């Protein structure tokens, strides 16, 4: 599966999404396999959600896009200690 993020005007398209963890008018968190995308801005709305095709479309005025390692991929605290 190919993952990508495409921003055109106020429409942001994410391919490879596995879950929309949260969405507010000022922030959205979209999980992808092994990572997460944290979007911040104003007027953020989920316009299309199709998890069967791993696709999310968001609309808004995006000011910041951050990529981070997904918390779920790190495992529990005890699993990390007792490797």
PDB file of N, CA and C in Angstrom:
ATOM      1  N   UNK A   1       0.844  -1.172   0.000  1.00  0.00           N
ATOM      2  CA  UNK A   1       0.000   0.000   0.000  1.00  0.00           C
ATOM      3  C   UNK A   1       0.892   1.239   0.000  1.00  0.00           C
ATOM      4  N   UNK A   2       0.548   2.190  -0.816  1.00  0.00           N
ATOM      5  CA  UNK A   2       1.303   3.423  -0.928  1.00  0.00           C
ATOM      6  C   UNK A   2       0.655   4.502  -0.056  1.00  0.00           C
ATOM      7  N   UNK A   3       1.459   5.154   0.771  1.00  0.00           N
ATOM      8  CA  UNK A   3       0.978   6.226   1.630  1.00  0.00           C
ATOM      9  C   UNK A   3       1.389   7.566   1.029  1.00  0.00           C
ATOM     10  N   UNK A   4       0.468   8.541   1.099  1.00  0.00           N
ATOM     11  CA  UNK A   4       0.845   9.881   0.676  1.00  0.00           C
ATOM     12  C   UNK A   4      -0.080  10.901   1.324  1.00  0.00           C
ATOM     13  N   UNK A   5       0.399  12.139   1.341  1.00  0.00           N
ATOM     14  CA  UNK A   5      -0.380  13.278   1.819  1.00  0.00           C
ATOM     15  C   UNK A   5      -0.312  14.332   0.727  1.00  0.00           C
ATOM     16  N   UNK A   6      -1.476  14.851   0.356  1.00  0.00           N
ATOM     17  CA  UNK A   6      -1.549  15.844  -0.715  1.00  0.00           C
ATOM     18  C   UNK A   6      -2.404  17.013  -0.236  1.00  0.00           C
ATOM     19  N   UNK A   7      -1.858  18.216  -0.294  1.00  0.00           N
ATOM     20  CA  UNK A   7      -2.578  19.424   0.097  1.00  0.00           C
ATOM     21  C   UNK A   7      -2.781  20.290  -1.130  1.00  0.00           C
ATOM     22  N   UNK A   8      -4.042  20.602  -1.401  1.00  0.00           N
ATOM     23  CA  UNK A   8      -4.373  21.499  -2.502  1.00  0.00           C
ATOM     24  C   UNK A   8      -5.411  22.494  -2.004  1.00  0.00           C
ATOM     25  N   UNK A   9      -5.002  23.738  -1.873  1.00  0.00           N
ATOM     26  CA  UNK A   9      -5.892  24.754  -1.309  1.00  0.00           C
ATOM     27  C   UNK A   9      -6.180  24.428   0.147  1.00  0.00           C
ATOM     28  N   UNK A  10      -7.444  24.239   0.463  1.00  0.00           N
ATOM     29  CA  UNK A  10      -7.843  23.899   1.833  1.00  0.00           C
ATOM     30  C   UNK A  10      -8.228  22.431   1.984  1.00  0.00           C
ATOM     31  N   UNK A  11      -7.944  21.614   0.982  1.00  0.00           N
ATOM     32  CA  UNK A  11      -8.269  20.181   1.028  1.00  0.00           C
ATOM     33  C   UNK A  11      -6.980  19.380   1.204  1.00  0.00           C
ATOM     34  N   UNK A  12      -6.937  18.574   2.252  1.00  0.00           N
ATOM     35  CA  UNK A  12      -5.801  17.704   2.530  1.00  0.00           C
ATOM     36  C   UNK A  12      -6.265  16.268   2.380  1.00  0.00           C
ATOM     37  N   UNK A  13      -5.593  15.518   1.528  1.00  0.00           N
ATOM     38  CA  UNK A  13      -5.940  14.120   1.269  1.00  0.00           C
ATOM     39  C   UNK A  13      -4.830  13.246   1.832  1.00  0.00           C
ATOM     40  N   UNK A  14      -5.213  12.256   2.648  1.00  0.00           N
ATOM     41  CA  UNK A  14      -4.253  11.319   3.226  1.00  0.00           C
ATOM     42  C   UNK A  14      -4.614   9.918   2.756  1.00  0.00           C
ATOM     43  N   UNK A  15      -3.674   9.255   2.117  1.00  0.00           N
ATOM     44  CA  UNK A  15      -3.852   7.869   1.679  1.00  0.00           C
ATOM     45  C   UNK A  15      -2.948   7.003   2.541  1.00  0.00           C
ATOM     46  N   UNK A  16      -3.497   5.959   3.139  1.00  0.00           N
ATOM     47  CA  UNK A  16      -2.748   5.086   4.029  1.00  0.00           C
ATOM     48  C   UNK A  16      -3.212   5.216   5.468  1.00  0.00           C
ATOM     49  N   UNK A  17      -4.306   5.936   5.688  1.00  0.00           N
ATOM     50  CA  UNK A  17      -4.840   6.129   7.038  1.00  0.00           C
ATOM     51  C   UNK A  17      -5.484   4.853   7.555  1.00  0.00           C
ATOM     52  N   UNK A  18      -5.254   4.553   8.824  1.00  0.00           N
ATOM     53  CA  UNK A  18      -5.888   3.399   9.448  1.00  0.00           C
ATOM     54  C   UNK A  18      -6.946   3.812  10.465  1.00  0.00           C
ATOM     55  N   UNK A  19      -6.866   5.074  10.935  1.00  0.00           N
ATOM     56  CA  UNK A  19      -7.809   5.533  11.962  1.00  0.00           C
ATOM     57  C   UNK A  19      -7.710   7.046  12.092  1.00  0.00           C
ATOM     58  N   UNK A  20      -8.855   7.703  12.311  1.00  0.00           N
ATOM     59  CA  UNK A  20      -8.850   9.099  12.713  1.00  0.00           C
ATOM     60  C   UNK A  20      -8.994   9.075  14.224  1.00  0.00           C
ATOM     61  N   UNK A  21      -7.882   9.321  14.929  1.00  0.00           N
ATOM     62  CA  UNK A  21      -7.867   9.211  16.386  1.00  0.00           C
ATOM     63  C   UNK A  21      -8.647  10.338  17.042  1.00  0.00           C
ATOM     64  N   UNK A  22      -8.582  11.546  16.474  1.00  0.00           N
ATOM     65  CA  UNK A  22      -9.354  12.663  17.012  1.00  0.00           C
ATOM     66  C   UNK A  22      -9.498  13.733  15.944  1.00  0.00           C
ATOM     67  N   UNK A  23     -10.546  14.541  16.095  1.00  0.00           N
ATOM     68  CA  UNK A  23     -10.773  15.628  15.159  1.00  0.00           C
ATOM     69  C   UNK A  23     -11.559  16.727  15.861  1.00  0.00           C
ATOM     70  N   UNK A  24     -10.975  17.915  15.896  1.00  0.00           N
ATOM     71  CA  UNK A  24     -11.640  19.110  16.416  1.00  0.00           C
ATOM     72  C   UNK A  24     -11.469  20.201  15.363  1.00  0.00           C
ATOM     73  N   UNK A  25     -12.135  21.334  15.503  1.00  0.00           N
ATOM     74  CA  UNK A  25     -11.946  22.411  14.522  1.00  0.00           C
ATOM     75  C   UNK A  25     -10.512  22.961  14.453  1.00  0.00           C
ATOM     76  N   UNK A  26      -9.682  22.691  15.476  1.00  0.00           N
ATOM     77  CA  UNK A  26      -8.314  23.223  15.473  1.00  0.00           C
ATOM     78  C   UNK A  26      -7.231  22.153  15.358  1.00  0.00           C
ATOM     79  N   UNK A  27      -7.599  20.868  15.471  1.00  0.00           N
ATOM     80  CA  UNK A  27      -6.585  19.812  15.396  1.00  0.00           C
ATOM     81  C   UNK A  27      -7.208  18.490  14.983  1.00  0.00           C
ATOM     82  N   UNK A  28      -6.447  17.713  14.204  1.00  0.00           N
ATOM     83  CA  UNK A  28      -6.858  16.358  13.833  1.00  0.00           C
ATOM     84  C   UNK A  28      -5.641  15.451  13.941  1.00  0.00           C
ATOM     85  N   UNK A  29      -5.881  14.221  14.384  1.00  0.00           N
ATOM     86  CA  UNK A  29      -4.817  13.219  14.475  1.00  0.00           C
ATOM     87  C   UNK A  29      -5.255  12.018  13.647  1.00  0.00           C
ATOM     88  N   UNK A  30      -4.461  11.705  12.637  1.00  0.00           N
ATOM     89  CA  UNK A  30      -4.750  10.579  11.746  1.00  0.00           C
ATOM     90  C   UNK A  30      -3.636   9.560  11.906  1.00  0.00           C
ATOM     91  N   UNK A  31      -4.018   8.326  12.255  1.00  0.00           N
ATOM     92  CA  UNK A  31      -3.036   7.258  12.412  1.00  0.00           C
ATOM     93  C   UNK A  31      -2.846   6.542  11.087  1.00  0.00           C
ATOM     94  N   UNK A  32      -1.575   6.232  10.821  1.00  0.00           N
ATOM     95  CA  UNK A  32      -1.195   5.443   9.660  1.00  0.00           C
ATOM     96  C   UNK A  32      -0.415   4.258  10.211  1.00  0.00           C
ATOM     97  N   UNK A  33      -0.082   3.279   9.407  1.00  0.00           N
ATOM     98  CA  UNK A  33       0.621   2.113   9.929  1.00  0.00           C
ATOM     99  C   UNK A  33       1.976   2.527  10.493  1.00  0.00           C
ATOM    100  N   UNK A  34       2.119   2.434  11.818  1.00  0.00           N
ATOM    101  CA  UNK A  34       3.369   2.737  12.491  1.00  0.00           C
ATOM    102  C   UNK A  34       3.659   4.195  12.740  1.00  0.00           C
ATOM    103  N   UNK A  35       2.787   5.100  12.318  1.00  0.00           N
ATOM    104  CA  UNK A  35       3.021   6.523  12.541  1.00  0.00           C
ATOM    105  C   UNK A  35       1.694   7.259  12.672  1.00  0.00           C
ATOM    106  N   UNK A  36       1.798   8.537  12.983  1.00  0.00           N
ATOM    107  CA  UNK A  36       0.609   9.373  13.092  1.00  0.00           C
ATOM    108  C   UNK A  36       0.914  10.726  12.477  1.00  0.00           C
ATOM    109  N   UNK A  37      -0.126  11.374  11.965  1.00  0.00           N
ATOM    110  CA  UNK A  37      -0.016  12.716  11.415  1.00  0.00           C
ATOM    111  C   UNK A  37      -0.878  13.614  12.291  1.00  0.00           C
ATOM    112  N   UNK A  38      -0.275  14.665  12.842  1.00  0.00           N
ATOM    113  CA  UNK A  38      -0.987  15.624  13.682  1.00  0.00           C
ATOM    114  C   UNK A  38      -1.111  16.911  12.887  1.00  0.00           C
ATOM    115  N   UNK A  39      -2.348  17.315  12.626  1.00  0.00           N
ATOM    116  CA  UNK A  39      -2.635  18.498  11.820  1.00  0.00           C
ATOM    117  C   UNK A  39      -3.224  19.573  12.719  1.00  0.00           C
ATOM    118  N   UNK A  40      -2.751  20.798  12.595  1.00  0.00           N
ATOM    119  CA  UNK A  40      -3.352  21.886  13.360  1.00  0.00           C
ATOM    120  C   UNK A  40      -3.651  23.049  12.428  1.00  0.00           C
ATOM    121  N   UNK A  41      -4.642  23.833  12.813  1.00  0.00           N
ATOM    122  CA  UNK A  41      -5.075  24.967  12.008  1.00  0.00           C
ATOM    123  C   UNK A  41      -6.429  25.451  12.482  1.00  0.00           C
ATOM    124  N   UNK A  42      -7.230  25.939  11.555  1.00  0.00           N
ATOM    125  CA  UNK A  42      -8.561  26.457  11.880  1.00  0.00           C
ATOM    126  C   UNK A  42      -9.604  25.870  10.943  1.00  0.00           C
ATOM    127  N   UNK A  43     -10.795  25.621  11.467  1.00  0.00           N
ATOM    128  CA  UNK A  43     -11.897  25.124  10.653  1.00  0.00           C
ATOM    129  C   UNK A  43     -11.672  23.743  10.075  1.00  0.00           C
ATOM    130  N   UNK A  44     -10.940  22.894  10.787  1.00  0.00           N
ATOM    131  CA  UNK A  44     -10.626  21.561  10.280  1.00  0.00           C
ATOM    132  C   UNK A  44     -11.862  20.653  10.413  1.00  0.00           C
ATOM    133  N   UNK A  45     -12.223  20.028   9.305  1.00  0.00           N
ATOM    134  CA  UNK A  45     -13.362  19.098   9.272  1.00  0.00           C
ATOM    135  C   UNK A  45     -12.976  17.871   8.456  1.00  0.00           C
ATOM    136  N   UNK A  46     -13.473  16.711   8.876  1.00  0.00           N
ATOM    137  CA  UNK A  46     -13.318  15.493   8.079  1.00  0.00           C
ATOM    138  C   UNK A  46     -14.417  15.527   7.019  1.00  0.00           C
ATOM    139  N   UNK A  47     -14.025  15.552   5.753  1.00  0.00           N
ATOM    140  CA  UNK A  47     -14.993  15.618   4.654  1.00  0.00           C
ATOM    141  C   UNK A  47     -15.280  14.247   4.069  1.00  0.00           C
ATOM    142  N   UNK A  48     -14.283  13.365   4.084  1.00  0.00           N
ATOM    143  CA  UNK A  48     -14.473  12.017   3.547  1.00  0.00           C
ATOM    144  C   UNK A  48     -13.641  11.061   4.382  1.00  0.00           C
ATOM    145  N   UNK A  49     -14.246   9.957   4.771  1.00  0.00           N
ATOM    146  CA  UNK A  49     -13.548   8.929   5.538  1.00  0.00           C
ATOM    147  C   UNK A  49     -13.901   7.582   4.932  1.00  0.00           C
ATOM    148  N   UNK A  50     -12.900   6.920   4.364  1.00  0.00           N
ATOM    149  CA  UNK A  50     -13.091   5.602   3.776  1.00  0.00           C
ATOM    150  C   UNK A  50     -11.928   4.731   4.241  1.00  0.00           C
ATOM    151  N   UNK A  51     -12.121   4.062   5.370  1.00  0.00           N
ATOM    152  CA  UNK A  51     -11.045   3.251   5.937  1.00  0.00           C
ATOM    153  C   UNK A  51     -10.862   1.931   5.194  1.00  0.00           C
ATOM    154  N   UNK A  52     -11.843   1.523   4.408  1.00  0.00           N
ATOM    155  CA  UNK A  52     -11.662   0.332   3.574  1.00  0.00           C
ATOM    156  C   UNK A  52     -10.596   0.586   2.517  1.00  0.00           C
ATOM    157  N   UNK A  53     -10.531   1.831   2.030  1.00  0.00           N
ATOM    158  CA  UNK A  53      -9.512   2.217   1.055  1.00  0.00           C
ATOM    159  C   UNK A  53      -8.398   3.023   1.708  1.00  0.00           C
ATOM    160  N   UNK A  54      -8.409   3.114   3.044  1.00  0.00           N
ATOM    161  CA  UNK A  54      -7.392   3.836   3.820  1.00  0.00           C
ATOM    162  C   UNK A  54      -7.229   5.283   3.358  1.00  0.00           C
ATOM    163  N   UNK A  55      -8.364   5.968   3.196  1.00  0.00           N
ATOM    164  CA  UNK A  55      -8.333   7.330   2.665  1.00  0.00           C
ATOM    165  C   UNK A  55      -9.139   8.287   3.546  1.00  0.00           C
ATOM    166  N   UNK A  56      -8.561   9.464   3.802  1.00  0.00           N
ATOM    167  CA  UNK A  56      -9.223  10.507   4.569  1.00  0.00           C
ATOM    168  C   UNK A  56      -9.024  11.828   3.837  1.00  0.00           C
ATOM    169  N   UNK A  57     -10.103  12.611   3.716  1.00  0.00           N
ATOM    170  CA  UNK A  57     -10.012  13.963   3.173  1.00  0.00           C
ATOM    171  C   UNK A  57     -10.431  14.919   4.281  1.00  0.00           C
ATOM    172  N   UNK A  58      -9.615  15.926   4.534  1.00  0.00           N
ATOM    173  CA  UNK A  58      -9.921  16.943   5.528  1.00  0.00           C
ATOM    174  C   UNK A  58      -9.933  18.300   4.842  1.00  0.00           C
ATOM    175  N   UNK A  59     -10.746  19.204   5.391  1.00  0.00           N
ATOM    176  CA  UNK A  59     -10.806  20.558   4.856  1.00  0.00           C
ATOM    177  C   UNK A  59     -10.553  21.533   5.986  1.00  0.00           C
ATOM    178  N   UNK A  60      -9.825  22.602   5.698  1.00  0.00           N
ATOM    179  CA  UNK A  60      -9.560  23.628   6.689  1.00  0.00           C
ATOM    180  C   UNK A  60      -8.358  24.460   6.294  1.00  0.00           C
ATOM    181  N   UNK A  61      -8.009  25.375   7.165  1.00  0.00           N
ATOM    182  CA  UNK A  61      -6.816  26.197   6.970  1.00  0.00           C
ATOM    183  C   UNK A  61      -5.712  25.591   7.825  1.00  0.00           C
ATOM    184  N   UNK A  62      -4.869  24.800   7.197  1.00  0.00           N
ATOM    185  CA  UNK A  62      -3.824  24.061   7.909  1.00  0.00           C
ATOM    186  C   UNK A  62      -2.605  24.948   8.132  1.00  0.00           C
ATOM    187  N   UNK A  63      -2.141  24.976   9.374  1.00  0.00           N
ATOM    188  CA  UNK A  63      -0.973  25.781   9.726  1.00  0.00           C
ATOM    189  C   UNK A  63       0.235  24.922  10.043  1.00  0.00           C
ATOM    190  N   UNK A  64       0.003  23.684  10.459  1.00  0.00           N
ATOM    191  CA  UNK A  64       1.105  22.834  10.887  1.00  0.00           C
ATOM    192  C   UNK A  64       0.762  21.369  10.614  1.00  0.00           C
ATOM    193  N   UNK A  65       1.720  20.634  10.072  1.00  0.00           N
ATOM    194  CA  UNK A  65       1.568  19.198   9.846  1.00  0.00           C
ATOM    195  C   UNK A  65       2.786  18.527  10.464  1.00  0.00           C
ATOM    196  N   UNK A  66       2.554  17.653  11.447  1.00  0.00           N
ATOM    197  CA  UNK A  66       3.658  16.962  12.123  1.00  0.00           C
ATOM    198  C   UNK A  66       3.475  15.459  11.984  1.00  0.00           C
ATOM    199  N   UNK A  67       4.589  14.776  11.792  1.00  0.00           N
ATOM    200  CA  UNK A  67       4.601  13.325  11.747  1.00  0.00           C
ATOM    201  C   UNK A  67       5.232  12.827  13.031  1.00  0.00           C
ATOM    202  N   UNK A  68       4.659  11.760  13.594  1.00  0.00           N
ATOM    203  CA  UNK A  68       5.248  11.191  14.801  1.00  0.00           C
ATOM    204  C   UNK A  68       5.051   9.686  14.803  1.00  0.00           C
ATOM    205  N   UNK A  69       5.882   9.017  15.588  1.00  0.00           N
ATOM    206  CA  UNK A  69       5.741   7.577  15.754  1.00  0.00           C
ATOM    207  C   UNK A  69       4.472   7.327  16.546  1.00  0.00           C
ATOM    208  N   UNK A  70       3.671   6.394  16.104  1.00  0.00           N
ATOM    209  CA  UNK A  70       2.421   6.080  16.780  1.00  0.00           C
ATOM    210  C   UNK A  70       2.690   5.468  18.144  1.00  0.00           C
ATOM    211  N   UNK A  71       1.933   5.897  19.144  1.00  0.00           N
ATOM    212  CA  UNK A  71       2.065   5.357  20.499  1.00  0.00           C
ATOM    213  C   UNK A  71       1.777   3.863  20.498  1.00  0.00           C
ATOM    214  N   UNK A  72       0.828   3.433  19.705  1.00  0.00           N
ATOM    215  CA  UNK A  72       0.461   2.017  19.665  1.00  0.00           C
ATOM    216  C   UNK A  72       1.614   1.148  19.174  1.00  0.00           C
ATOM    217  N   UNK A  73       2.452   1.694  18.282  1.00  0.00           N
ATOM    218  CA  UNK A  73       3.538   0.877  17.745  1.00  0.00           C
ATOM    219  C   UNK A  73       4.670   0.688  18.747  1.00  0.00           C
ATOM    220  N   UNK A  74       4.744   1.524  19.775  1.00  0.00           N
ATOM    221  CA  UNK A  74       5.799   1.397  20.766  1.00  0.00           C
ATOM    222  C   UNK A  74       5.540   0.263  21.751  1.00  0.00           C
ATOM    223  N   UNK A  75       4.298  -0.108  21.932  1.00  0.00           N
ATOM    224  CA  UNK A  75       3.965  -1.147  22.895  1.00  0.00           C
ATOM    225  C   UNK A  75       3.811  -0.582  24.295  1.00  0.00           C
ATOM    226  N   UNK A  76       3.441  -1.437  25.201  1.00  0.00           N
ATOM    227  CA  UNK A  76       3.222  -0.979  26.569  1.00  0.00           C
ATOM    228  C   UNK A  76       4.541  -0.687  27.272  1.00  0.00           C
ATOM    229  N   UNK A  77       4.468   0.048  28.341  1.00  0.00           N
ATOM    230  CA  UNK A  77       5.637   0.418  29.125  1.00  0.00           C
ATOM    231  C   UNK A  77       6.363  -0.836  29.617  1.00  0.00           C
ATOM    232  N   UNK A  78       5.620  -1.819  30.127  1.00  0.00           N
ATOM    233  CA  UNK A  78       6.240  -3.036  30.649  1.00  0.00           C
ATOM    234  C   UNK A  78       6.901  -3.853  29.543  1.00  0.00           C
ATOM    235  N   UNK A  79       6.294  -3.907  28.373  1.00  0.00           N
ATOM    236  CA  UNK A  79       6.907  -4.645  27.254  1.00  0.00           C
ATOM    237  C   UNK A  79       8.214  -4.020  26.840  1.00  0.00           C
ATOM    238  N   UNK A  80       8.293  -2.700  26.880  1.00  0.00           N
ATOM    239  CA  UNK A  80       9.542  -2.040  26.504  1.00  0.00           C
ATOM    240  C   UNK A  80      10.623  -2.263  27.534  1.00  0.00           C
ATOM    241  N   UNK A  81      10.262  -2.371  28.807  1.00  0.00           N
ATOM    242  CA  UNK A  81      11.241  -2.602  29.862  1.00  0.00           C
ATOM    243  C   UNK A  81      11.786  -4.030  29.814  1.00  0.00           C
ATOM    244  N   UNK A  82      10.886  -5.002  29.618  1.00  0.00           N
ATOM    245  CA  UNK A  82      11.264  -6.419  29.681  1.00  0.00           C
ATOM    246  C   UNK A  82      11.420  -7.028  28.302  1.00  0.00           C
ATOM    247  N   UNK A  83      12.180  -6.399  27.429  1.00  0.00           N
ATOM    248  CA  UNK A  83      12.418  -6.940  26.081  1.00  0.00           C
ATOM    249  C   UNK A  83      13.211  -8.215  26.152  1.00  0.00           C
TER     250      UNK A  83
END
